[in-house]
Amino acid sequence: MKTLYMQIGRGLDLLERGLMVLAVVAILMTSLLVLAEIGAREFLPFHVPDAVTIVAGLMVVSISFSLAHAMSVNAHIAVDLFYQHFPPSVQRLCDLIALVVGLGFSWAILYWSWFDVSKLYRRGSYYYGELQLPEWPVNSALLLGFAVLFARLVHLFAGRLLGLSATPLTHEETV
């Protein structure tokens, strides 16, 4: 059981790293597109078509693709005013409650996203603008990001239930 758990964890790590690379590329593309739009507006007689729509889509990619990686390396925001003073058994209970809440919210977003992507794809919906970009790829990126986040949360939850993972969901920086 522990071997399977570790293999799934390694697979998720690899997938998350790949998505993180894509998130970084999306941020770089956003920066370059904004720079090109500003430069074109100031110095050239034309503009980048649908720059705002493209930047919005790239931001969805950069945020949703980095969620699972942030969860796996405990880089999420944590408010633990009292948590560190609890005994380990209460900390584990708090971690399980946090995972259940996270699973609930990510499942709701995943469920909504699945139906939204399928509806947009069936309808053939497009963003208004010069390029008439389809809407479903951006929403598919959101769906993929939350699917990987959900898989990571299930992995963490299973590890805690089976006693295979005892690392807390929050951590303190050691100086």
Protein backbone atom coordinates (compact mmCIF):
# COMPACT_ATOMS: atom_id res chain seq x y z
CA MET A 1 0.00 0.00 0.00
CA LYS A 2 2.82 2.38 0.89
CA THR A 3 4.57 1.67 -2.42
CA LEU A 4 1.41 2.48 -4.39
CA TYR A 5 0.91 5.64 -2.36
CA MET A 6 4.48 6.74 -3.08
CA GLN A 7 4.18 5.96 -6.80
CA ILE A 8 0.98 7.98 -7.07
CA GLY A 9 2.72 10.80 -5.21
CA ARG A 10 5.65 10.72 -7.63
CA GLY A 11 3.27 10.74 -10.60
CA LEU A 12 1.40 13.71 -9.18
CA ASP A 13 4.72 15.48 -8.51
CA LEU A 14 5.74 15.01 -12.13
CA LEU A 15 2.38 16.24 -13.42
CA GLU A 16 2.44 19.23 -11.07
CA ARG A 17 5.97 20.19 -12.13
CA GLY A 18 4.90 20.06 -15.77
CA LEU A 19 1.89 22.24 -15.08
CA MET A 20 4.09 24.60 -13.08
CA VAL A 21 6.38 25.01 -16.09
CA LEU A 22 3.33 25.84 -18.21
CA ALA A 23 2.16 28.33 -15.56
CA VAL A 24 5.54 30.08 -15.67
CA VAL A 25 5.41 30.15 -19.48
CA ALA A 26 1.91 31.66 -19.26
CA ILE A 27 3.19 34.39 -16.93
CA LEU A 28 6.09 35.14 -19.29
CA MET A 29 3.72 35.27 -22.25
CA THR A 30 1.43 37.59 -20.30
CA SER A 31 4.34 39.91 -19.58
CA LEU A 32 5.47 39.93 -23.20
CA LEU A 33 1.94 40.51 -24.47
CA VAL A 34 1.35 43.42 -22.11
CA LEU A 35 4.72 44.90 -23.09
CA ALA A 36 3.89 44.48 -26.80
CA GLU A 37 0.46 46.05 -26.33
CA ILE A 38 1.90 49.05 -24.48
CA GLY A 39 4.70 49.44 -27.02
CA ALA A 40 2.31 49.16 -29.95
CA ARG A 41 -0.06 51.68 -28.40
CA GLU A 42 2.74 54.20 -27.83
CA PHE A 43 4.97 53.79 -30.87
CA LEU A 44 3.07 51.99 -33.63
CA PRO A 45 -0.17 52.75 -35.46
CA PHE A 46 -1.73 49.38 -34.57
CA HIS A 47 -2.48 47.28 -31.50
CA VAL A 48 -2.37 43.64 -30.49
CA PRO A 49 -5.84 42.24 -31.22
CA ASP A 50 -7.76 40.83 -28.23
CA ALA A 51 -4.83 41.41 -25.88
CA VAL A 52 -7.10 41.78 -22.84
CA THR A 53 -8.90 38.49 -23.60
CA ILE A 54 -5.62 36.65 -24.16
CA VAL A 55 -4.08 38.05 -20.96
CA ALA A 56 -7.16 37.02 -18.98
CA GLY A 57 -6.91 33.48 -20.36
CA LEU A 58 -3.19 33.30 -19.61
CA MET A 59 -3.82 34.41 -16.04
CA VAL A 60 -6.37 31.62 -15.59
CA VAL A 61 -3.73 29.17 -16.85
CA SER A 62 -1.00 30.54 -14.60
CA ILE A 63 -3.14 30.44 -11.47
CA SER A 64 -4.98 27.16 -11.98
CA PHE A 65 -1.89 25.24 -13.11
CA SER A 66 0.07 26.26 -10.02
CA LEU A 67 -2.55 25.39 -7.35
CA ALA A 68 -1.72 21.71 -6.92
CA HIS A 69 2.02 22.36 -6.81
CA ALA A 70 1.51 25.00 -4.13
CA MET A 71 -0.55 22.50 -2.14
CA SER A 72 2.03 19.74 -2.48
CA VAL A 73 4.94 21.87 -1.24
CA ASN A 74 2.89 23.56 1.52
CA ALA A 75 3.27 26.96 -0.12
CA HIS A 76 -0.34 27.91 0.45
CA ILE A 77 -1.43 30.64 2.82
CA ALA A 78 -1.97 29.33 6.33
CA VAL A 79 -3.22 31.17 9.38
CA ASP A 80 -2.06 29.14 12.33
CA LEU A 81 -2.33 31.41 15.35
CA PHE A 82 -3.35 28.56 17.63
CA TYR A 83 -2.51 25.53 15.49
CA GLN A 84 1.12 25.36 16.58
CA HIS A 85 0.05 25.25 20.24
CA PHE A 86 -2.27 22.26 19.73
CA PRO A 87 -1.10 18.75 20.55
CA PRO A 88 -0.22 16.59 17.50
CA SER A 89 -3.50 14.66 17.66
CA VAL A 90 -5.53 17.89 17.41
CA GLN A 91 -3.26 19.13 14.62
CA ARG A 92 -3.94 15.92 12.66
CA LEU A 93 -7.69 16.41 13.20
CA CYS A 94 -7.42 20.01 12.00
CA ASP A 95 -5.49 18.80 8.94
CA LEU A 96 -8.20 16.26 8.14
CA ILE A 97 -10.92 18.89 8.50
CA ALA A 98 -8.96 21.25 6.23
CA LEU A 99 -8.56 18.48 3.65
CA VAL A 100 -12.27 17.64 3.75
CA VAL A 101 -13.19 21.30 3.28
CA GLY A 102 -10.64 21.63 0.47
CA LEU A 103 -11.97 18.49 -1.20
CA GLY A 104 -15.52 19.82 -0.94
CA PHE A 105 -14.72 23.18 -2.48
CA SER A 106 -12.44 21.79 -5.18
CA TRP A 107 -15.04 19.15 -6.07
CA ALA A 108 -17.70 21.86 -6.45
CA ILE A 109 -15.44 23.87 -8.77
CA LEU A 110 -14.45 20.73 -10.66
CA TYR A 111 -18.09 19.71 -11.10
CA TRP A 112 -19.13 23.16 -12.30
CA SER A 113 -16.11 23.43 -14.56
CA TRP A 114 -16.80 20.09 -16.26
CA PHE A 115 -20.32 21.12 -17.22
CA ASP A 116 -19.20 24.60 -18.24
CA VAL A 117 -16.48 23.26 -20.56
CA SER A 118 -18.82 20.73 -22.14
CA LYS A 119 -21.51 23.40 -22.64
CA LEU A 120 -19.04 25.88 -24.17
CA TYR A 121 -17.61 23.20 -26.46
CA ARG A 122 -21.05 22.02 -27.63
CA ARG A 123 -22.24 25.56 -28.29
CA GLY A 124 -19.03 26.63 -29.94
CA SER A 125 -18.92 29.81 -27.83
CA TYR A 126 -16.39 32.47 -28.75
CA TYR A 127 -15.08 35.58 -27.03
CA TYR A 128 -16.11 38.81 -28.67
CA GLY A 129 -13.24 40.48 -30.43
CA GLU A 130 -11.24 40.54 -33.59
CA LEU A 131 -9.81 37.03 -33.31
CA GLN A 132 -13.04 35.26 -32.23
CA LEU A 133 -11.14 33.01 -29.80
CA PRO A 134 -13.08 29.98 -28.49
CA GLU A 135 -13.98 30.05 -24.79
CA TRP A 136 -13.57 26.34 -24.00
CA PRO A 137 -9.72 26.16 -23.96
CA VAL A 138 -9.43 28.63 -21.07
CA ASN A 139 -12.12 26.86 -19.11
CA SER A 140 -10.46 23.51 -19.90
CA ALA A 141 -7.26 24.86 -18.33
CA LEU A 142 -9.23 25.73 -15.20
CA LEU A 143 -10.76 22.24 -15.24
CA LEU A 144 -7.34 20.59 -15.60
CA GLY A 145 -5.82 22.70 -12.83
CA PHE A 146 -8.59 21.86 -10.39
CA ALA A 147 -8.59 18.19 -11.41
CA VAL A 148 -4.91 17.94 -10.47
CA LEU A 149 -5.54 19.89 -7.25
CA PHE A 150 -8.40 17.52 -6.41
CA ALA A 151 -6.17 14.51 -7.10
CA ARG A 152 -3.47 15.96 -4.81
CA LEU A 153 -6.03 16.57 -2.04
CA VAL A 154 -7.37 13.01 -2.38
CA HIS A 155 -3.78 11.73 -2.21
CA LEU A 156 -3.06 13.75 0.94
CA PHE A 157 -6.36 12.71 2.52
CA ALA A 158 -5.75 9.02 1.77
CA GLY A 159 -2.23 9.28 3.17
CA ARG A 160 -3.50 10.77 6.39
CA LEU A 161 -6.28 8.21 6.77
CA LEU A 162 -3.91 5.33 6.12
CA GLY A 163 -1.24 6.80 8.37
CA LEU A 164 1.25 7.01 5.51
CA SER A 165 1.68 10.77 5.65
CA ALA A 166 2.06 12.59 8.93
CA THR A 167 3.51 15.87 7.69
CA PRO A 168 1.32 18.80 8.70
CA LEU A 169 -0.48 20.88 6.09
CA THR A 170 1.18 23.97 7.50
CA HIS A 171 4.84 24.50 8.15
CA GLU A 172 7.07 27.06 9.74
CA GLU A 173 10.10 28.45 8.02
CA THR A 174 13.26 27.52 9.84
CA VAL A 175 15.85 30.24 9.91
